[in-house]
Amino acid sequence: NALCSARMIDDLNSIKYPPNIKPQNPALNSNAEPGKFRYDRDFMMQFMRVCRERPKNLENL
C-alpha cells in the first residue's frame, strides 16, 4: 500500500499538490526543524476518505 512506500518530506515547499487539494498552511512551519512539520486540520481532513489504514509500524498514541 502507499504507506509502505512513503518517504520523509525534507522541504514542504517542494510538494506539488493536485488542483483539488488545498495545500497546508505554510505559516505553521516557518521555523520547523527538518522532518518536524505541523499540519492544519482542514488540510488533514481532505485525506480522511483516502487514508483509512493505520500503518503497522506506527506506535500507539
Protein backbone atom coordinates (compact mmCIF):
# COMPACT_ATOMS: atom_id res chain seq x y z
CA ASN A 1 0.00 0.00 0.00
CA ALA A 2 1.01 3.65 -0.33
CA LEU A 3 2.03 3.98 3.31
CA CYS A 4 4.72 1.33 2.88
CA SER A 5 6.35 3.29 0.06
CA ALA A 6 6.02 6.73 1.71
CA ARG A 7 9.15 8.85 2.11
CA MET A 8 10.10 11.55 4.59
CA ILE A 9 9.44 15.11 3.40
CA ASP A 10 12.50 17.35 3.57
CA ASP A 11 11.03 20.51 2.09
CA LEU A 12 7.29 21.25 2.27
CA ASN A 13 7.63 23.86 -0.46
CA SER A 14 8.76 21.20 -2.93
CA ILE A 15 5.47 19.27 -2.68
CA LYS A 16 3.17 19.71 -5.67
CA TYR A 17 -0.47 19.02 -4.81
CA PRO A 18 -3.18 18.13 -7.33
CA PRO A 19 -5.55 21.02 -8.18
CA ASN A 20 -8.31 19.63 -5.96
CA ILE A 21 -6.08 19.54 -2.83
CA LYS A 22 -5.70 22.67 -0.69
CA PRO A 23 -2.03 22.98 0.39
CA GLN A 24 -1.08 23.09 4.06
CA ASN A 25 -0.72 26.41 5.87
CA PRO A 26 2.95 27.45 5.36
CA ALA A 27 2.86 29.75 8.41
CA LEU A 28 2.66 26.69 10.67
CA ASN A 29 6.12 25.58 9.56
CA SER A 30 8.05 28.79 9.03
CA ASN A 31 10.66 27.75 11.64
CA ALA A 32 10.18 23.97 11.57
CA GLU A 33 13.09 21.60 12.04
CA PRO A 34 13.69 19.11 9.21
CA GLY A 35 11.10 16.34 9.35
CA LYS A 36 9.11 18.06 12.14
CA PHE A 37 6.12 19.58 10.40
CA ARG A 38 2.69 20.69 11.60
CA TYR A 39 -0.45 20.42 9.50
CA ASP A 40 -3.72 22.28 9.95
CA ARG A 41 -6.95 20.38 10.47
CA ASP A 42 -8.53 21.37 7.14
CA PHE A 43 -5.51 20.06 5.26
CA MET A 44 -5.58 16.71 7.06
CA MET A 45 -9.35 16.28 6.74
CA GLN A 46 -9.00 16.27 2.94
CA PHE A 47 -7.46 12.80 3.22
CA MET A 48 -9.85 11.15 5.68
CA ARG A 49 -11.65 9.13 2.99
CA VAL A 50 -8.39 8.07 1.34
CA CYS A 51 -6.16 7.20 4.31
CA ARG A 52 -8.14 4.70 6.32
CA GLU A 53 -5.46 2.18 7.28
CA ARG A 54 -3.13 2.59 10.22
CA PRO A 55 0.47 1.70 9.33
CA LYS A 56 1.60 -1.47 11.12
CA ASN A 57 4.83 0.18 12.25
CA LEU A 58 3.09 3.24 13.78
CA GLU A 59 3.23 3.35 17.58
CA ASN A 60 0.03 3.59 19.62
CA LEU A 61 -0.94 7.02 20.91
